[in-house]
Amino acid sequence: MIDHDKYQMKTMRTSGIPISRIYDYFATQVGGHEKIGYSRRDTYNGQIKMRGSKSSNVEGAIDLLKMVCSMDDLMFWRHTVNLDGTLQHLF
């Protein structure tokens, strides 16, 4: 998988597009699944590697809280991170 495909997949996943649809989209761009150069499983594995060893979606949760805060004046939240940048507390 080339770097451009990885970047495009990350952007599409951030928008909520499922990996299976991303794979089909890439196949459409090149003229078919047989011409894509990697398998659907490779696409899933690439997504797992991009997430790293952490299995949580902290950025997504924080983005959701920011969105809710912008719509609800009574909403309040704060978070702290450890020295290594991982989430420590979410209130």
PDB file of N, CA and C in Angstrom:
ATOM      1  N   MET A   1       0.847  -1.167   0.000  1.00  0.00           N
ATOM      2  CA  MET A   1       0.000   0.000   0.000  1.00  0.00           C
ATOM      3  C   MET A   1       0.902   1.242   0.000  1.00  0.00           C
ATOM      4  N   ILE A   2       0.665   2.128  -0.949  1.00  0.00           N
ATOM      5  CA  ILE A   2       1.506   3.319  -1.045  1.00  0.00           C
ATOM      6  C   ILE A   2       1.084   4.349   0.006  1.00  0.00           C
ATOM      7  N   ASP A   3       1.998   5.285   0.296  1.00  0.00           N
ATOM      8  CA  ASP A   3       1.747   6.280   1.333  1.00  0.00           C
ATOM      9  C   ASP A   3       0.493   7.106   1.061  1.00  0.00           C
ATOM     10  N   HIS A   4       0.239   7.425  -0.212  1.00  0.00           N
ATOM     11  CA  HIS A   4      -0.952   8.208  -0.536  1.00  0.00           C
ATOM     12  C   HIS A   4      -2.220   7.452  -0.163  1.00  0.00           C
ATOM     13  N   ASP A   5      -2.251   6.143  -0.432  1.00  0.00           N
ATOM     14  CA  ASP A   5      -3.411   5.328  -0.060  1.00  0.00           C
ATOM     15  C   ASP A   5      -3.581   5.294   1.462  1.00  0.00           C
ATOM     16  N   LYS A   6      -2.467   5.197   2.186  1.00  0.00           N
ATOM     17  CA  LYS A   6      -2.536   5.182   3.649  1.00  0.00           C
ATOM     18  C   LYS A   6      -3.107   6.495   4.175  1.00  0.00           C
ATOM     19  N   TYR A   7      -2.643   7.595   3.620  1.00  0.00           N
ATOM     20  CA  TYR A   7      -3.139   8.901   4.040  1.00  0.00           C
ATOM     21  C   TYR A   7      -4.626   9.038   3.712  1.00  0.00           C
ATOM     22  N   GLN A   8      -4.991   8.629   2.515  1.00  0.00           N
ATOM     23  CA  GLN A   8      -6.386   8.729   2.090  1.00  0.00           C
ATOM     24  C   GLN A   8      -7.274   7.843   2.973  1.00  0.00           C
ATOM     25  N   MET A   9      -6.782   6.654   3.307  1.00  0.00           N
ATOM     26  CA  MET A   9      -7.551   5.750   4.153  1.00  0.00           C
ATOM     27  C   MET A   9      -7.734   6.364   5.546  1.00  0.00           C
ATOM     28  N   LYS A  10      -6.688   6.954   6.090  1.00  0.00           N
ATOM     29  CA  LYS A  10      -6.783   7.576   7.413  1.00  0.00           C
ATOM     30  C   LYS A  10      -7.817   8.699   7.400  1.00  0.00           C
ATOM     31  N   THR A  11      -7.801   9.516   6.359  1.00  0.00           N
ATOM     32  CA  THR A  11      -8.753  10.622   6.243  1.00  0.00           C
ATOM     33  C   THR A  11     -10.175  10.095   6.116  1.00  0.00           C
ATOM     34  N   MET A  12     -10.368   9.060   5.322  1.00  0.00           N
ATOM     35  CA  MET A  12     -11.693   8.494   5.128  1.00  0.00           C
ATOM     36  C   MET A  12     -12.202   7.835   6.411  1.00  0.00           C
ATOM     37  N   ARG A  13     -11.327   7.149   7.146  1.00  0.00           N
ATOM     38  CA  ARG A  13     -11.717   6.515   8.411  1.00  0.00           C
ATOM     39  C   ARG A  13     -12.116   7.572   9.426  1.00  0.00           C
ATOM     40  N   THR A  14     -11.392   8.704   9.441  1.00  0.00           N
ATOM     41  CA  THR A  14     -11.728   9.795  10.349  1.00  0.00           C
ATOM     42  C   THR A  14     -13.124  10.323  10.062  1.00  0.00           C
ATOM     43  N   SER A  15     -13.529  10.244   8.808  1.00  0.00           N
ATOM     44  CA  SER A  15     -14.866  10.692   8.413  1.00  0.00           C
ATOM     45  C   SER A  15     -15.934   9.635   8.668  1.00  0.00           C
ATOM     46  N   GLY A  16     -15.532   8.464   9.145  1.00  0.00           N
ATOM     47  CA  GLY A  16     -16.493   7.424   9.485  1.00  0.00           C
ATOM     48  C   GLY A  16     -16.785   6.423   8.389  1.00  0.00           C
ATOM     49  N   ILE A  17     -16.010   6.429   7.322  1.00  0.00           N
ATOM     50  CA  ILE A  17     -16.235   5.490   6.222  1.00  0.00           C
ATOM     51  C   ILE A  17     -15.647   4.130   6.606  1.00  0.00           C
ATOM     52  N   PRO A  18     -16.421   3.049   6.469  1.00  0.00           N
ATOM     53  CA  PRO A  18     -15.922   1.722   6.826  1.00  0.00           C
ATOM     54  C   PRO A  18     -14.779   1.277   5.904  1.00  0.00           C
ATOM     55  N   ILE A  19     -13.909   0.452   6.439  1.00  0.00           N
ATOM     56  CA  ILE A  19     -12.741  -0.014   5.688  1.00  0.00           C
ATOM     57  C   ILE A  19     -13.153  -0.755   4.425  1.00  0.00           C
ATOM     58  N   SER A  20     -14.214  -1.543   4.484  1.00  0.00           N
ATOM     59  CA  SER A  20     -14.646  -2.293   3.296  1.00  0.00           C
ATOM     60  C   SER A  20     -15.021  -1.348   2.158  1.00  0.00           C
ATOM     61  N   ARG A  21     -15.648  -0.242   2.478  1.00  0.00           N
ATOM     62  CA  ARG A  21     -16.011   0.734   1.430  1.00  0.00           C
ATOM     63  C   ARG A  21     -14.776   1.470   0.915  1.00  0.00           C
ATOM     64  N   ILE A  22     -13.830   1.702   1.797  1.00  0.00           N
ATOM     65  CA  ILE A  22     -12.584   2.349   1.375  1.00  0.00           C
ATOM     66  C   ILE A  22     -11.865   1.454   0.371  1.00  0.00           C
ATOM     67  N   TYR A  23     -11.798   0.162   0.670  1.00  0.00           N
ATOM     68  CA  TYR A  23     -11.148  -0.788  -0.233  1.00  0.00           C
ATOM     69  C   TYR A  23     -11.846  -0.805  -1.592  1.00  0.00           C
ATOM     70  N   ASP A  24     -13.174  -0.836  -1.574  1.00  0.00           N
ATOM     71  CA  ASP A  24     -13.926  -0.819  -2.823  1.00  0.00           C
ATOM     72  C   ASP A  24     -13.690   0.476  -3.602  1.00  0.00           C
ATOM     73  N   TYR A  25     -13.579   1.585  -2.898  1.00  0.00           N
ATOM     74  CA  TYR A  25     -13.300   2.875  -3.536  1.00  0.00           C
ATOM     75  C   TYR A  25     -11.933   2.852  -4.224  1.00  0.00           C
ATOM     76  N   PHE A  26     -10.918   2.341  -3.513  1.00  0.00           N
ATOM     77  CA  PHE A  26      -9.587   2.244  -4.112  1.00  0.00           C
ATOM     78  C   PHE A  26      -9.609   1.356  -5.350  1.00  0.00           C
ATOM     79  N   ALA A  27     -10.355   0.242  -5.272  1.00  0.00           N
ATOM     80  CA  ALA A  27     -10.455  -0.670  -6.420  1.00  0.00           C
ATOM     81  C   ALA A  27     -11.115   0.019  -7.603  1.00  0.00           C
ATOM     82  N   THR A  28     -12.117   0.824  -7.340  1.00  0.00           N
ATOM     83  CA  THR A  28     -12.793   1.572  -8.406  1.00  0.00           C
ATOM     84  C   THR A  28     -11.833   2.544  -9.083  1.00  0.00           C
ATOM     85  N   GLN A  29     -10.960   3.169  -8.301  1.00  0.00           N
ATOM     86  CA  GLN A  29     -10.003   4.134  -8.843  1.00  0.00           C
ATOM     87  C   GLN A  29      -9.026   3.495  -9.823  1.00  0.00           C
ATOM     88  N   VAL A  30      -8.632   2.247  -9.567  1.00  0.00           N
ATOM     89  CA  VAL A  30      -7.628   1.603 -10.419  1.00  0.00           C
ATOM     90  C   VAL A  30      -8.226   0.656 -11.459  1.00  0.00           C
ATOM     91  N   GLY A  31      -9.541   0.470 -11.427  1.00  0.00           N
ATOM     92  CA  GLY A  31     -10.175  -0.349 -12.449  1.00  0.00           C
ATOM     93  C   GLY A  31     -10.485  -1.772 -12.048  1.00  0.00           C
ATOM     94  N   GLY A  32     -10.590  -2.050 -10.770  1.00  0.00           N
ATOM     95  CA  GLY A  32     -11.000  -3.379 -10.327  1.00  0.00           C
ATOM     96  C   GLY A  32     -10.167  -3.894  -9.171  1.00  0.00           C
ATOM     97  N   HIS A  33     -10.750  -4.838  -8.437  1.00  0.00           N
ATOM     98  CA  HIS A  33     -10.075  -5.406  -7.266  1.00  0.00           C
ATOM     99  C   HIS A  33      -8.785  -6.132  -7.643  1.00  0.00           C
ATOM    100  N   GLU A  34      -8.784  -6.755  -8.809  1.00  0.00           N
ATOM    101  CA  GLU A  34      -7.591  -7.513  -9.217  1.00  0.00           C
ATOM    102  C   GLU A  34      -6.406  -6.606  -9.547  1.00  0.00           C
ATOM    103  N   LYS A  35      -6.649  -5.316  -9.762  1.00  0.00           N
ATOM    104  CA  LYS A  35      -5.582  -4.378 -10.119  1.00  0.00           C
ATOM    105  C   LYS A  35      -5.099  -3.516  -8.956  1.00  0.00           C
ATOM    106  N   ILE A  36      -5.704  -3.704  -7.801  1.00  0.00           N
ATOM    107  CA  ILE A  36      -5.408  -2.801  -6.687  1.00  0.00           C
ATOM    108  C   ILE A  36      -4.016  -3.033  -6.091  1.00  0.00           C
ATOM    109  N   GLY A  37      -3.507  -4.248  -6.126  1.00  0.00           N
ATOM    110  CA  GLY A  37      -2.148  -4.504  -5.655  1.00  0.00           C
ATOM    111  C   GLY A  37      -2.051  -4.956  -4.208  1.00  0.00           C
ATOM    112  N   TYR A  38      -3.157  -5.002  -3.497  1.00  0.00           N
ATOM    113  CA  TYR A  38      -3.192  -5.522  -2.133  1.00  0.00           C
ATOM    114  C   TYR A  38      -4.608  -6.018  -1.848  1.00  0.00           C
ATOM    115  N   SER A  39      -4.726  -6.818  -0.805  1.00  0.00           N
ATOM    116  CA  SER A  39      -6.013  -7.440  -0.500  1.00  0.00           C
ATOM    117  C   SER A  39      -6.826  -6.596   0.488  1.00  0.00           C
ATOM    118  N   ARG A  40      -8.077  -6.971   0.619  1.00  0.00           N
ATOM    119  CA  ARG A  40      -8.936  -6.328   1.607  1.00  0.00           C
ATOM    120  C   ARG A  40      -8.334  -6.499   3.004  1.00  0.00           C
ATOM    121  N   ARG A  41      -7.779  -7.688   3.286  1.00  0.00           N
ATOM    122  CA  ARG A  41      -7.152  -7.958   4.581  1.00  0.00           C
ATOM    123  C   ARG A  41      -5.974  -7.010   4.802  1.00  0.00           C
ATOM    124  N   ASP A  42      -5.191  -6.721   3.766  1.00  0.00           N
ATOM    125  CA  ASP A  42      -4.084  -5.768   3.881  1.00  0.00           C
ATOM    126  C   ASP A  42      -4.592  -4.389   4.289  1.00  0.00           C
ATOM    127  N   THR A  43      -5.768  -4.017   3.793  1.00  0.00           N
ATOM    128  CA  THR A  43      -6.359  -2.732   4.130  1.00  0.00           C
ATOM    129  C   THR A  43      -6.712  -2.695   5.618  1.00  0.00           C
ATOM    130  N   TYR A  44      -7.323  -3.774   6.133  1.00  0.00           N
ATOM    131  CA  TYR A  44      -7.637  -3.856   7.560  1.00  0.00           C
ATOM    132  C   TYR A  44      -6.358  -3.827   8.399  1.00  0.00           C
ATOM    133  N   ASN A  45      -5.358  -4.579   7.972  1.00  0.00           N
ATOM    134  CA  ASN A  45      -4.093  -4.610   8.708  1.00  0.00           C
ATOM    135  C   ASN A  45      -3.416  -3.244   8.705  1.00  0.00           C
ATOM    136  N   GLY A  46      -3.498  -2.531   7.596  1.00  0.00           N
ATOM    137  CA  GLY A  46      -2.934  -1.188   7.525  1.00  0.00           C
ATOM    138  C   GLY A  46      -3.612  -0.245   8.499  1.00  0.00           C
ATOM    139  N   GLN A  47      -4.916  -0.381   8.650  1.00  0.00           N
ATOM    140  CA  GLN A  47      -5.658   0.453   9.597  1.00  0.00           C
ATOM    141  C   GLN A  47      -5.220   0.153  11.026  1.00  0.00           C
ATOM    142  N   ILE A  48      -5.022  -1.116  11.327  1.00  0.00           N
ATOM    143  CA  ILE A  48      -4.579  -1.499  12.667  1.00  0.00           C
ATOM    144  C   ILE A  48      -3.189  -0.926  12.947  1.00  0.00           C
ATOM    145  N   LYS A  49      -2.300  -0.986  11.973  1.00  0.00           N
ATOM    146  CA  LYS A  49      -0.953  -0.430  12.145  1.00  0.00           C
ATOM    147  C   LYS A  49      -0.992   1.074  12.343  1.00  0.00           C
ATOM    148  N   MET A  50      -1.889   1.771  11.622  1.00  0.00           N
ATOM    149  CA  MET A  50      -1.987   3.225  11.760  1.00  0.00           C
ATOM    150  C   MET A  50      -2.454   3.618  13.154  1.00  0.00           C
ATOM    151  N   ARG A  51      -3.304   2.789  13.740  1.00  0.00           N
ATOM    152  CA  ARG A  51      -3.791   3.076  15.089  1.00  0.00           C
ATOM    153  C   ARG A  51      -2.701   2.860  16.126  1.00  0.00           C
ATOM    154  N   GLY A  52      -1.708   2.065  15.776  1.00  0.00           N
ATOM    155  CA  GLY A  52      -0.644   1.771  16.727  1.00  0.00           C
ATOM    156  C   GLY A  52      -1.080   0.683  17.682  1.00  0.00           C
ATOM    157  N   SER A  53      -0.352   0.554  18.760  1.00  0.00           N
ATOM    158  CA  SER A  53      -0.646  -0.507  19.709  1.00  0.00           C
ATOM    159  C   SER A  53      -1.818  -0.162  20.621  1.00  0.00           C
ATOM    160  N   LYS A  54      -2.239   1.062  20.657  1.00  0.00           N
ATOM    161  CA  LYS A  54      -3.366   1.471  21.487  1.00  0.00           C
ATOM    162  C   LYS A  54      -4.667   1.054  20.795  1.00  0.00           C
ATOM    163  N   SER A  55      -5.609   0.527  21.554  1.00  0.00           N
ATOM    164  CA  SER A  55      -6.860   0.071  20.965  1.00  0.00           C
ATOM    165  C   SER A  55      -8.000   1.064  21.180  1.00  0.00           C
ATOM    166  N   SER A  56      -7.728   2.181  21.866  1.00  0.00           N
ATOM    167  CA  SER A  56      -8.801   3.139  22.114  1.00  0.00           C
ATOM    168  C   SER A  56      -8.798   4.251  21.070  1.00  0.00           C
ATOM    169  N   ASN A  57      -9.877   4.975  21.024  1.00  0.00           N
ATOM    170  CA  ASN A  57     -10.005   6.082  20.093  1.00  0.00           C
ATOM    171  C   ASN A  57     -10.200   7.361  20.897  1.00  0.00           C
ATOM    172  N   VAL A  58      -9.142   7.775  21.581  1.00  0.00           N
ATOM    173  CA  VAL A  58      -9.209   8.939  22.458  1.00  0.00           C
ATOM    174  C   VAL A  58      -9.489  10.205  21.663  1.00  0.00           C
ATOM    175  N   GLU A  59      -8.823  10.374  20.515  1.00  0.00           N
ATOM    176  CA  GLU A  59      -9.043  11.581  19.715  1.00  0.00           C
ATOM    177  C   GLU A  59     -10.508  11.697  19.297  1.00  0.00           C
ATOM    178  N   GLY A  60     -11.106  10.585  18.919  1.00  0.00           N
ATOM    179  CA  GLY A  60     -12.505  10.591  18.526  1.00  0.00           C
ATOM    180  C   GLY A  60     -13.416  10.974  19.678  1.00  0.00           C
ATOM    181  N   ALA A  61     -13.114  10.469  20.879  1.00  0.00           N
ATOM    182  CA  ALA A  61     -13.923  10.808  22.053  1.00  0.00           C
ATOM    183  C   ALA A  61     -13.800  12.290  22.387  1.00  0.00           C
ATOM    184  N   ILE A  62     -12.593  12.814  22.317  1.00  0.00           N
ATOM    185  CA  ILE A  62     -12.380  14.233  22.616  1.00  0.00           C
ATOM    186  C   ILE A  62     -13.062  15.109  21.569  1.00  0.00           C
ATOM    187  N   ASP A  63     -12.975  14.715  20.304  1.00  0.00           N
ATOM    188  CA  ASP A  63     -13.668  15.473  19.250  1.00  0.00           C
ATOM    189  C   ASP A  63     -15.178  15.482  19.478  1.00  0.00           C
ATOM    190  N   LEU A  64     -15.723  14.337  19.899  1.00  0.00           N
ATOM    191  CA  LEU A  64     -17.150  14.265  20.191  1.00  0.00           C
ATOM    192  C   LEU A  64     -17.516  15.200  21.344  1.00  0.00           C
ATOM    193  N   LEU A  65     -16.700  15.194  22.397  1.00  0.00           N
ATOM    194  CA  LEU A  65     -16.970  16.073  23.531  1.00  0.00           C
ATOM    195  C   LEU A  65     -16.906  17.543  23.125  1.00  0.00           C
ATOM    196  N   LYS A  66     -15.955  17.897  22.281  1.00  0.00           N
ATOM    197  CA  LYS A  66     -15.867  19.279  21.795  1.00  0.00           C
ATOM    198  C   LYS A  66     -17.120  19.661  21.023  1.00  0.00           C
ATOM    199  N   MET A  67     -17.604  18.745  20.189  1.00  0.00           N
ATOM    200  CA  MET A  67     -18.794  19.024  19.398  1.00  0.00           C
ATOM    201  C   MET A  67     -20.019  19.206  20.305  1.00  0.00           C
ATOM    202  N   VAL A  68     -20.182  18.313  21.296  1.00  0.00           N
ATOM    203  CA  VAL A  68     -21.308  18.422  22.212  1.00  0.00           C
ATOM    204  C   VAL A  68     -21.220  19.731  22.999  1.00  0.00           C
ATOM    205  N   CYS A  69     -20.005  20.102  23.415  1.00  0.00           N
ATOM    206  CA  CYS A  69     -19.803  21.353  24.150  1.00  0.00           C
ATOM    207  C   CYS A  69     -20.224  22.566  23.321  1.00  0.00           C
ATOM    208  N   SER A  70     -19.942  22.521  22.026  1.00  0.00           N
ATOM    209  CA  SER A  70     -20.289  23.660  21.176  1.00  0.00           C
ATOM    210  C   SER A  70     -21.806  23.795  20.996  1.00  0.00           C
ATOM    211  N   MET A  71     -22.538  22.701  21.217  1.00  0.00           N
ATOM    212  CA  MET A  71     -23.986  22.726  21.046  1.00  0.00           C
ATOM    213  C   MET A  71     -24.738  22.879  22.369  1.00  0.00           C
ATOM    214  N   ASP A  72     -24.080  22.590  23.492  1.00  0.00           N
ATOM    215  CA  ASP A  72     -24.739  22.607  24.798  1.00  0.00           C
ATOM    216  C   ASP A  72     -23.897  23.417  25.780  1.00  0.00           C
ATOM    217  N   ASP A  73     -24.405  24.580  26.176  1.00  0.00           N
ATOM    218  CA  ASP A  73     -23.661  25.457  27.080  1.00  0.00           C
ATOM    219  C   ASP A  73     -23.461  24.858  28.468  1.00  0.00           C
ATOM    220  N   LEU A  74     -24.267  23.888  28.862  1.00  0.00           N
ATOM    221  CA  LEU A  74     -24.146  23.269  30.178  1.00  0.00           C
ATOM    222  C   LEU A  74     -23.150  22.106  30.205  1.00  0.00           C
ATOM    223  N   MET A  75     -22.693  21.698  29.052  1.00  0.00           N
ATOM    224  CA  MET A  75     -21.734  20.593  28.966  1.00  0.00           C
ATOM    225  C   MET A  75     -20.368  21.071  29.437  1.00  0.00           C
ATOM    226  N   PHE A  76     -19.723  20.264  30.279  1.00  0.00           N
ATOM    227  CA  PHE A  76     -18.377  20.568  30.766  1.00  0.00           C
ATOM    228  C   PHE A  76     -17.550  19.294  30.760  1.00  0.00           C
ATOM    229  N   TRP A  77     -16.304  19.418  30.338  1.00  0.00           N
ATOM    230  CA  TRP A  77     -15.397  18.281  30.383  1.00  0.00           C
ATOM    231  C   TRP A  77     -13.955  18.775  30.428  1.00  0.00           C
ATOM    232  N   ARG A  78     -13.093  17.985  30.975  1.00  0.00           N
ATOM    233  CA  ARG A  78     -11.651  18.260  31.001  1.00  0.00           C
ATOM    234  C   ARG A  78     -10.919  16.923  30.882  1.00  0.00           C
ATOM    235  N   HIS A  79      -9.696  16.985  30.395  1.00  0.00           N
ATOM    236  CA  HIS A  79      -8.886  15.779  30.345  1.00  0.00           C
ATOM    237  C   HIS A  79      -7.436  16.124  30.662  1.00  0.00           C
ATOM    238  N   THR A  80      -6.692  15.125  31.119  1.00  0.00           N
ATOM    239  CA  THR A  80      -5.254  15.268  31.350  1.00  0.00           C
ATOM    240  C   THR A  80      -4.548  14.115  30.653  1.00  0.00           C
ATOM    241  N   VAL A  81      -3.296  14.354  30.321  1.00  0.00           N
ATOM    242  CA  VAL A  81      -2.502  13.318  29.661  1.00  0.00           C
ATOM    243  C   VAL A  81      -1.247  13.044  30.476  1.00  0.00           C
ATOM    244  N   ASN A  82      -0.713  11.835  30.315  1.00  0.00           N
ATOM    245  CA  ASN A  82       0.540  11.452  30.958  1.00  0.00           C
ATOM    246  C   ASN A  82       1.720  12.093  30.225  1.00  0.00           C
ATOM    247  N   LEU A  83       2.916  11.921  30.763  1.00  0.00           N
ATOM    248  CA  LEU A  83       4.121  12.460  30.127  1.00  0.00           C
ATOM    249  C   LEU A  83       4.337  11.882  28.735  1.00  0.00           C
ATOM    250  N   ASP A  84       3.885  10.646  28.514  1.00  0.00           N
ATOM    251  CA  ASP A  84       4.048  10.021  27.201  1.00  0.00           C
ATOM    252  C   ASP A  84       2.932  10.382  26.212  1.00  0.00           C
ATOM    253  N   GLY A  85       1.994  11.244  26.650  1.00  0.00           N
ATOM    254  CA  GLY A  85       0.937  11.707  25.769  1.00  0.00           C
ATOM    255  C   GLY A  85      -0.328  10.868  25.781  1.00  0.00           C
ATOM    256  N   THR A  86      -0.383   9.824  26.598  1.00  0.00           N
ATOM    257  CA  THR A  86      -1.587   9.008  26.682  1.00  0.00           C
ATOM    258  C   THR A  86      -2.580   9.629  27.659  1.00  0.00           C
ATOM    259  N   LEU A  87      -3.847   9.332  27.443  1.00  0.00           N
ATOM    260  CA  LEU A  87      -4.913   9.879  28.283  1.00  0.00           C
ATOM    261  C   LEU A  87      -4.771   9.376  29.712  1.00  0.00           C
ATOM    262  N   GLN A  88      -4.828  10.305  30.658  1.00  0.00           N
ATOM    263  CA  GLN A  88      -4.727   9.932  32.066  1.00  0.00           C
ATOM    264  C   GLN A  88      -6.102  10.018  32.729  1.00  0.00           C
ATOM    265  N   HIS A  89      -6.767  11.157  32.612  1.00  0.00           N
ATOM    266  CA  HIS A  89      -8.083  11.366  33.207  1.00  0.00           C
ATOM    267  C   HIS A  89      -9.021  12.031  32.220  1.00  0.00           C
ATOM    268  N   LEU A  90     -10.267  11.650  32.289  1.00  0.00           N
ATOM    269  CA  LEU A  90     -11.301  12.297  31.498  1.00  0.00           C
ATOM    270  C   LEU A  90     -12.473  12.561  32.424  1.00  0.00           C
ATOM    271  N   PHE A  91     -12.801  13.833  32.615  1.00  0.00           N
ATOM    272  CA  PHE A  91     -13.881  14.228  33.515  1.00  0.00           C
ATOM    273  C   PHE A  91     -14.941  14.954  32.730  1.00  0.00           C
TER     274      PHE A  91
END
